Amino acid sequence: MKITDDIIYVGVNDHDIDLFEGQFIVPNGMAYNSYVIKDEKIAVMDTVDANFAEEWLGNIEAAVEGKTPDYLIVQHMEPDHSANIMKFVEKYPEAKVVANTKAFQMMSNFFRNVDLGDKKVEVKNKETLSLGAHELTFLFAPMVHWPEVMVTYDSKDKVLFSADAFGKFGALDADEDWDCEARRYYFGIVGKYGKQAENLLKAAEGLDIEKICALHGPILTENLEHYIGQYKTWTSYGVESEGVMIAYTSVYGNTKKAAEALAEELKAKGCPKVVLTDLAREDMAEAVEDAFRYGKLVLATTTYNADIFPFMRTFIDGLTERAYQNRTIGIIENGSWAIMAGKVIKGLFEKSKDITWTDTTVSIMSSMNEENEAQIKALAEELCR
């Protein structure tokens, strides 16, 4: 697949994978992206997952048309992108490997007892590499989402090779919305490092970018303002969509009834979007994604072993681990003798920044009574302001 006259896609689709990074459900597979830049010198941008070594090397061979690559540029050492470095070196022994200091340190851990010798080209932040007409500039992007990550800008074709930034779940032949799976990918994998991702956007602000080539997902060639705008919102923990997410766990259905009652009250008041999520049945990564998408969140759960129900704790851990902030949170708590859920929830967010708690907390003893119904109306009123 040609991206420009000189840049060719040589990546692969993985339709056999069920869990990305051992935890994220990927019903439409994954793409491991790699690119060839053809010039006076030829550069290959990153490798692919170990299971696709032969397919990837065959793609390179077809792209270079009998010539030999001069460089392998390693932007990220995570094995889904770096697993075939040594296979590349074995096939193209004259080629040099370009990476930064941290990447080479990691390389020695992934590939034991390997000495690249004079094949090693160690680059610094903002350093350039000329291929002829194409001049590549390397911009370090530490913790987006590993410490060695760098991105590469090609000034001739105005392409940003963005490593894991702007990536998404799904193979390239998957027909699906970019925003949804890119959002789930961002908050699942990069979300903890919003400040670092924001710094990358700032570093790239002065570049004239016409195409974005990430290591996962499609090549972005049109409407770049939208994609960059989404990333600006996500990296700054801004609110993408006005609405309320109600995340609940329920043992015997009483907490669920309260959550549903609140959802109906919010809809009746004209809330622009209400998302009701059963945390025991929803994909947890999808739930985390929605919590970051909307500006307001209601947590409805039971007291459980003087704590909160396990799925709710997992969900909250997923939020706080990713620096959840700038949001309004309401609580519906339930208990049959000693209600502890609200206290536990607030304790879990103690280190979170800019969390606004609603004045109203709905406290249910086993099942809803008239007072709880009034509390739900009051909570809906607050959330709709």
Protein backbone atom coordinates (compact mmCIF):
# COMPACT_ATOMS: atom_id res chain seq x y z
CA MET A 1 0.00 0.00 0.00
CA LYS A 2 1.45 3.35 -1.10
CA ILE A 3 1.15 6.22 1.35
CA THR A 4 3.11 8.68 -0.80
CA ASP A 5 5.27 8.14 -3.88
CA ASP A 6 8.19 7.25 -1.60
CA ILE A 7 6.51 5.79 1.51
CA ILE A 8 5.08 2.28 1.41
CA TYR A 9 3.13 0.43 4.08
CA VAL A 10 4.70 -2.93 5.00
CA GLY A 11 2.79 -3.72 8.22
CA VAL A 12 0.52 -6.67 8.97
CA ASN A 13 -2.96 -7.44 10.29
CA ASP A 14 -3.44 -9.81 13.22
CA HIS A 15 -6.86 -11.47 13.25
CA ASP A 16 -5.83 -14.29 15.61
CA ILE A 17 -5.29 -12.13 18.69
CA ASP A 18 -8.12 -12.03 21.25
CA LEU A 19 -6.52 -9.90 24.00
CA PHE A 20 -4.12 -7.06 23.24
CA GLU A 21 -1.42 -6.71 25.92
CA GLY A 22 -3.12 -9.67 27.61
CA GLN A 23 -6.11 -7.59 28.75
CA PHE A 24 -7.87 -5.50 26.06
CA ILE A 25 -10.56 -7.29 24.04
CA VAL A 26 -9.95 -6.72 20.31
CA PRO A 27 -12.87 -8.25 18.38
CA ASN A 28 -11.55 -6.80 15.11
CA GLY A 29 -7.90 -7.75 15.63
CA MET A 30 -4.89 -5.46 15.59
CA ALA A 31 -2.64 -3.83 13.02
CA TYR A 32 1.12 -3.77 13.57
CA ASN A 33 2.27 -0.96 11.32
CA SER A 34 5.65 -0.63 9.64
CA TYR A 35 6.72 1.62 6.80
CA VAL A 36 9.46 1.85 4.15
CA ILE A 37 10.80 5.24 3.00
CA LYS A 38 12.52 4.94 -0.40
CA ASP A 39 15.14 7.54 -1.29
CA GLU A 40 18.86 7.57 -2.06
CA LYS A 41 18.96 5.61 1.17
CA ILE A 42 16.12 3.37 2.30
CA ALA A 43 14.73 3.42 5.85
CA VAL A 44 12.35 0.94 7.46
CA MET A 45 10.23 2.35 10.28
CA ASP A 46 9.87 -0.23 13.10
CA THR A 47 9.23 -3.98 12.94
CA VAL A 48 6.11 -5.99 13.85
CA ASP A 49 4.94 -8.70 16.24
CA ALA A 50 7.05 -11.87 16.39
CA ASN A 51 4.28 -14.02 14.89
CA PHE A 52 4.45 -12.12 11.60
CA ALA A 53 8.21 -12.03 10.92
CA GLU A 54 8.16 -13.79 7.55
CA GLU A 55 5.15 -11.84 6.25
CA TRP A 56 6.76 -8.56 7.30
CA LEU A 57 10.16 -9.38 5.77
CA GLY A 58 8.36 -10.41 2.58
CA ASN A 59 6.52 -7.09 2.53
CA ILE A 60 9.82 -5.22 2.85
CA GLU A 61 11.40 -7.28 0.09
CA ALA A 62 8.52 -6.46 -2.25
CA ALA A 63 8.65 -2.76 -1.35
CA VAL A 64 12.41 -2.26 -1.89
CA GLU A 65 12.32 -4.08 -5.26
CA GLY A 66 15.71 -5.73 -5.14
CA LYS A 67 17.47 -2.95 -3.22
CA THR A 68 18.80 -3.23 0.33
CA PRO A 69 17.50 -1.13 3.24
CA ASP A 70 20.12 1.16 4.77
CA TYR A 71 18.40 1.82 8.10
CA LEU A 72 15.96 0.27 10.56
CA ILE A 73 14.53 3.05 12.73
CA VAL A 74 13.28 1.86 16.12
CA GLN A 75 10.82 4.30 17.68
CA HIS A 76 9.43 2.03 20.38
CA MET A 77 10.78 -1.14 22.00
CA GLU A 78 7.50 -2.80 22.98
CA PRO A 79 7.67 -6.30 21.47
CA ASP A 80 4.68 -5.87 19.15
CA HIS A 81 6.89 -3.35 17.31
CA SER A 82 10.45 -4.49 18.02
CA ALA A 83 10.34 -8.31 18.07
CA ASN A 84 11.97 -8.72 14.67
CA ILE A 85 14.94 -6.37 15.00
CA MET A 86 17.48 -9.21 14.97
CA LYS A 87 15.73 -11.01 12.09
CA PHE A 88 16.01 -7.80 10.10
CA VAL A 89 19.70 -7.48 11.00
CA GLU A 90 20.31 -11.09 9.95
CA LYS A 91 18.62 -10.55 6.58
CA TYR A 92 20.21 -7.14 5.96
CA PRO A 93 23.62 -7.28 7.70
CA GLU A 94 24.80 -4.01 6.10
CA ALA A 95 21.86 -2.00 7.44
CA LYS A 96 22.25 0.25 10.47
CA VAL A 97 19.87 0.36 13.43
CA VAL A 98 18.77 3.87 14.47
CA ALA A 99 17.42 4.43 17.98
CA ASN A 100 17.98 6.50 21.10
CA THR A 101 20.04 5.59 24.16
CA LYS A 102 17.14 4.21 26.19
CA ALA A 103 15.93 2.10 23.27
CA PHE A 104 19.37 0.54 22.85
CA GLN A 105 19.48 -0.20 26.58
CA MET A 106 16.14 -2.00 26.30
CA MET A 107 17.31 -3.79 23.16
CA SER A 108 20.12 -5.43 25.11
CA ASN A 109 17.53 -6.77 27.57
CA PHE A 110 15.18 -8.13 24.92
CA PHE A 111 17.98 -9.57 22.79
CA ARG A 112 20.64 -11.00 25.12
CA ASN A 113 24.31 -11.15 24.16
CA VAL A 114 23.83 -9.18 20.95
CA ASP A 115 26.40 -6.60 19.92
CA LEU A 116 25.36 -4.38 17.02
CA GLY A 117 28.85 -2.87 16.81
CA ASP A 118 29.13 -0.31 14.00
CA LYS A 119 25.52 -1.00 12.95
CA LYS A 120 24.37 1.14 15.89
CA VAL A 121 23.32 4.76 15.21
CA GLU A 122 22.38 6.50 18.45
CA VAL A 123 20.32 9.67 17.97
CA LYS A 124 19.48 12.56 20.25
CA ASN A 125 16.28 14.57 20.60
CA LYS A 126 15.64 16.79 17.54
CA GLU A 127 18.57 15.23 15.69
CA THR A 128 18.10 14.66 11.96
CA LEU A 129 18.93 11.89 9.49
CA SER A 130 19.08 12.53 5.75
CA LEU A 131 17.99 9.84 3.32
CA GLY A 132 18.49 12.16 0.34
CA ALA A 133 15.40 14.21 -0.41
CA HIS A 134 13.80 13.00 2.82
CA GLU A 135 15.14 14.51 6.02
CA LEU A 136 13.92 12.80 9.17
CA THR A 137 13.76 14.61 12.52
CA PHE A 138 13.49 12.58 15.72
CA LEU A 139 11.39 13.98 18.55
CA PHE A 140 11.58 12.20 21.89
CA ALA A 141 8.23 11.34 23.47
CA PRO A 142 9.10 9.72 26.82
CA MET A 143 6.24 7.87 28.56
CA VAL A 144 3.96 7.92 25.52
CA HIS A 145 3.79 5.29 26.78
CA TRP A 146 7.28 3.84 27.45
CA PRO A 147 10.35 5.92 28.41
CA GLU A 148 12.29 5.30 25.18
CA VAL A 149 9.57 6.34 22.73
CA MET A 150 10.36 8.80 19.97
CA VAL A 151 8.41 9.94 16.93
CA THR A 152 9.80 10.84 13.51
CA TYR A 153 8.90 13.71 11.17
CA ASP A 154 9.59 13.52 7.44
CA SER A 155 9.77 17.10 6.16
CA LYS A 156 9.57 16.17 2.45
CA ASP A 157 6.25 14.32 2.51
CA LYS A 158 5.09 16.09 5.70
CA VAL A 159 4.45 12.82 7.51
CA LEU A 160 4.53 12.32 11.27
CA PHE A 161 5.41 8.75 12.24
CA SER A 162 3.72 9.00 15.62
CA ALA A 163 4.65 5.69 17.34
CA ASP A 164 1.74 4.69 19.65
CA ALA A 165 0.20 8.19 19.64
CA PHE A 166 -2.92 8.36 17.45
CA GLY A 167 -3.12 4.58 17.50
CA LYS A 168 -6.30 2.53 17.76
CA PHE A 169 -7.48 -1.02 18.24
CA GLY A 170 -8.57 -3.02 15.18
CA ALA A 171 -6.92 -4.41 12.06
CA LEU A 172 -6.68 -2.12 9.04
CA ASP A 173 -9.45 -3.99 7.24
CA ALA A 174 -11.89 -3.41 10.13
CA ASP A 175 -14.74 -1.09 9.21
CA GLU A 176 -15.23 0.82 12.46
CA ASP A 177 -15.33 4.32 13.90
CA TRP A 178 -11.87 5.75 14.63
CA ASP A 179 -12.95 7.83 17.63
CA CYS A 180 -14.40 4.96 19.64
CA GLU A 181 -11.50 2.52 19.34
CA ALA A 182 -8.83 5.23 19.40
CA ARG A 183 -10.36 6.61 22.61
CA ARG A 184 -10.46 3.16 24.21
CA TYR A 185 -6.85 2.59 23.09
CA TYR A 186 -5.67 5.98 24.37
CA PHE A 187 -7.26 5.80 27.81
CA GLY A 188 -6.47 2.11 28.22
CA ILE A 189 -2.82 2.32 27.27
CA VAL A 190 -1.56 5.92 27.22
CA GLY A 191 -4.10 7.63 29.50
CA LYS A 192 -1.99 7.69 32.66
CA TYR A 193 0.55 9.83 30.83
CA GLY A 194 -1.68 12.65 29.64
CA LYS A 195 0.88 15.36 30.44
CA GLN A 196 3.58 13.58 28.46
CA ALA A 197 1.23 13.06 25.52
CA GLU A 198 0.25 16.72 25.72
CA ASN A 199 3.97 17.64 25.59
CA LEU A 200 4.30 15.59 22.40
CA LEU A 201 1.44 17.53 20.81
CA LYS A 202 3.14 20.80 21.76
CA ALA A 203 6.44 19.61 20.28
CA ALA A 204 4.65 18.78 17.03
CA GLU A 205 2.68 22.05 16.87
CA GLY A 206 5.24 23.79 14.67
CA LEU A 207 5.37 20.98 12.11
CA ASP A 208 3.51 21.05 8.82
CA ILE A 209 1.75 17.67 9.06
CA GLU A 210 -0.30 16.26 6.19
CA LYS A 211 -0.32 12.60 7.25
CA ILE A 212 -0.04 10.73 10.54
CA CYS A 213 1.35 7.19 10.45
CA ALA A 214 0.87 5.50 13.82
CA LEU A 215 2.08 2.06 14.86
CA HIS A 216 -1.52 0.84 15.23
CA GLY A 217 -4.58 1.76 13.23
CA PRO A 218 -5.16 3.55 9.92
CA ILE A 219 -2.98 6.11 8.22
CA LEU A 220 -4.64 9.46 8.89
CA THR A 221 -4.67 11.62 5.79
CA GLU A 222 -7.82 13.76 5.96
CA ASN A 223 -9.53 15.86 8.62
CA LEU A 224 -6.39 15.91 10.76
CA GLU A 225 -7.85 18.80 12.76
CA HIS A 226 -10.43 16.38 14.16
CA TYR A 227 -7.92 13.74 15.24
CA ILE A 228 -5.51 16.27 16.71
CA GLY A 229 -8.44 18.02 18.41
CA GLN A 230 -9.55 14.75 20.00
CA TYR A 231 -6.02 14.17 21.29
CA LYS A 232 -5.87 17.68 22.73
CA THR A 233 -9.08 16.97 24.67
CA TRP A 234 -7.94 13.53 25.83
CA THR A 235 -4.41 14.54 26.85
CA SER A 236 -5.70 17.52 28.85
CA TYR A 237 -8.40 15.38 30.56
CA GLY A 238 -11.02 17.66 29.05
CA VAL A 239 -14.69 16.78 28.62
CA GLU A 240 -15.33 15.43 25.14
CA SER A 241 -19.13 15.08 25.36
CA GLU A 242 -21.70 16.60 27.69
CA GLY A 243 -23.55 13.85 29.53
CA VAL A 244 -23.72 11.61 32.58
CA MET A 245 -22.37 8.10 32.92
CA ILE A 246 -24.00 5.95 35.61
CA ALA A 247 -21.78 2.99 36.48
CA TYR A 248 -23.35 0.44 38.81
CA THR A 249 -22.91 -2.94 40.45
CA SER A 250 -25.90 -4.70 41.95
CA VAL A 251 -26.21 -8.01 43.82
CA TYR A 252 -29.99 -8.49 44.09
CA GLY A 253 -31.20 -5.75 41.78
CA ASN A 254 -32.01 -2.96 44.23
CA THR A 255 -29.00 -0.81 43.39
CA LYS A 256 -29.70 -1.41 39.71
CA LYS A 257 -33.26 -0.09 40.21
CA ALA A 258 -31.89 3.07 41.76
CA ALA A 259 -29.42 3.55 38.91
CA GLU A 260 -32.19 3.05 36.36
CA ALA A 261 -34.45 5.48 38.23
CA LEU A 262 -31.74 8.13 38.11
CA ALA A 263 -31.21 7.51 34.39
CA GLU A 264 -34.91 8.01 33.71
CA GLU A 265 -35.00 11.18 35.81
CA LEU A 266 -31.99 12.60 33.93
CA LYS A 267 -33.58 11.84 30.56
CA ALA A 268 -36.82 13.46 31.67
CA LYS A 269 -34.85 16.59 32.55
CA GLY A 270 -33.30 16.69 29.07
CA CYS A 271 -29.79 15.51 29.91
CA PRO A 272 -27.97 15.43 26.51
CA LYS A 273 -26.63 11.89 27.03
CA VAL A 274 -27.13 9.25 29.72
CA VAL A 275 -24.96 6.13 29.70
CA LEU A 276 -25.99 3.32 32.04
CA THR A 277 -23.30 0.67 32.58
CA ASP A 278 -23.44 -2.62 34.49
CA LEU A 279 -19.81 -3.05 35.52
CA ALA A 280 -20.20 -6.79 36.05
CA ARG A 281 -21.15 -7.28 32.40
CA GLU A 282 -19.54 -4.42 30.48
CA ASP A 283 -16.02 -4.64 29.04
CA MET A 284 -14.07 -2.73 31.70
CA ALA A 285 -11.95 -0.89 29.12
CA GLU A 286 -15.15 0.38 27.46
CA ALA A 287 -16.45 1.54 30.83
CA VAL A 288 -13.21 3.41 31.62
CA GLU A 289 -13.32 5.02 28.18
CA ASP A 290 -16.86 6.32 28.76
CA ALA A 291 -15.97 7.73 32.17
CA PHE A 292 -13.29 9.88 30.52
CA ARG A 293 -15.57 10.85 27.64
CA TYR A 294 -18.32 12.46 29.72
CA GLY A 295 -18.08 15.25 32.27
CA LYS A 296 -20.20 13.71 35.01
CA LEU A 297 -20.13 10.28 36.63
CA VAL A 298 -22.40 8.53 39.11
CA LEU A 299 -21.07 5.50 41.01
CA ALA A 300 -23.80 3.20 42.32
CA THR A 301 -22.72 0.21 44.37
CA THR A 302 -23.29 -1.92 47.43
CA THR A 303 -21.28 -2.15 50.58
CA TYR A 304 -19.42 -5.46 50.35
CA ASN A 305 -17.21 -6.89 53.11
CA ALA A 306 -16.99 -3.39 54.65
CA ASP A 307 -15.71 -2.21 51.28
CA ILE A 308 -17.34 -1.89 47.84
CA PHE A 309 -18.35 -4.51 45.30
CA PRO A 310 -15.24 -5.89 43.51
CA PHE A 311 -16.19 -4.76 39.99
CA MET A 312 -16.70 -1.21 41.24
CA ARG A 313 -13.30 -1.21 42.93
CA THR A 314 -11.68 -2.48 39.72
CA PHE A 315 -13.42 0.26 37.76
CA ILE A 316 -12.34 3.02 40.15
CA ASP A 317 -8.78 1.67 40.16
CA GLY A 318 -8.90 1.88 36.36
CA LEU A 319 -9.83 5.55 36.61
CA THR A 320 -7.45 6.68 39.33
CA GLU A 321 -4.54 4.77 37.78
CA ARG A 322 -5.12 6.88 34.66
CA ALA A 323 -5.21 10.19 36.55
CA TYR A 324 -8.99 10.71 36.37
CA GLN A 325 -9.67 14.41 37.00
CA ASN A 326 -11.75 17.49 36.14
CA ARG A 327 -15.02 15.64 36.69
CA THR A 328 -18.17 15.78 38.82
CA ILE A 329 -19.02 12.57 40.70
CA GLY A 330 -22.22 11.54 42.48
CA ILE A 331 -22.77 8.47 44.66
CA ILE A 332 -25.59 5.98 45.15
CA GLU A 333 -24.66 3.66 48.01
CA ASN A 334 -26.49 0.63 49.36
CA GLY A 335 -26.12 -1.52 52.47
CA SER A 336 -28.28 -3.73 54.60
CA TRP A 337 -26.82 -2.79 57.98
CA ALA A 338 -23.67 -0.61 57.84
CA ILE A 339 -23.44 1.50 54.69
CA MET A 340 -19.75 2.04 53.87
CA ALA A 341 -19.70 2.40 50.08
CA GLY A 342 -19.72 6.20 49.81
CA LYS A 343 -16.92 6.62 52.34
CA VAL A 344 -14.81 3.99 50.59
CA ILE A 345 -15.39 5.55 47.17
CA LYS A 346 -14.34 9.01 48.31
CA GLY A 347 -11.24 7.53 49.91
CA LEU A 348 -10.24 5.93 46.61
CA PHE A 349 -10.31 9.34 44.90
CA GLU A 350 -8.35 11.14 47.64
CA LYS A 351 -5.32 11.71 45.39
CA SER A 352 -7.35 12.66 42.32
CA LYS A 353 -7.25 16.28 41.15
CA ASP A 354 -10.23 18.57 40.60
CA ILE A 355 -13.00 16.16 41.54
CA THR A 356 -16.30 17.87 42.45
CA TRP A 357 -18.64 15.76 44.58
CA THR A 358 -22.36 16.34 44.33
CA ASP A 359 -24.06 17.64 47.47
CA THR A 360 -26.59 14.82 47.26
CA THR A 361 -25.67 11.23 48.08
CA VAL A 362 -28.36 8.57 47.72
CA SER A 363 -28.08 6.18 50.72
CA ILE A 364 -30.24 3.07 50.44
CA MET A 365 -30.89 0.54 53.19
CA SER A 366 -31.49 -2.66 51.17
CA SER A 367 -34.24 -1.25 48.94
CA MET A 368 -35.44 2.20 47.93
CA ASN A 369 -37.92 4.14 50.04
CA GLU A 370 -39.64 7.50 49.51
CA GLU A 371 -36.67 9.41 50.90
CA ASN A 372 -34.39 7.70 48.35
CA GLU A 373 -36.74 8.64 45.55
CA ALA A 374 -36.52 12.26 46.66
CA GLN A 375 -32.71 11.98 46.84
CA ILE A 376 -32.61 10.65 43.26
CA LYS A 377 -34.65 13.64 42.07
CA ALA A 378 -32.32 16.00 43.93
CA LEU A 379 -29.23 14.26 42.48
CA ALA A 380 -30.66 14.51 38.96
CA GLU A 381 -31.36 18.20 39.54
CA GLU A 382 -27.73 18.79 40.56
CA LEU A 383 -26.32 16.86 37.61
CA CYS A 384 -28.48 18.76 35.13
CA ARG A 385 -27.39 22.19 36.26
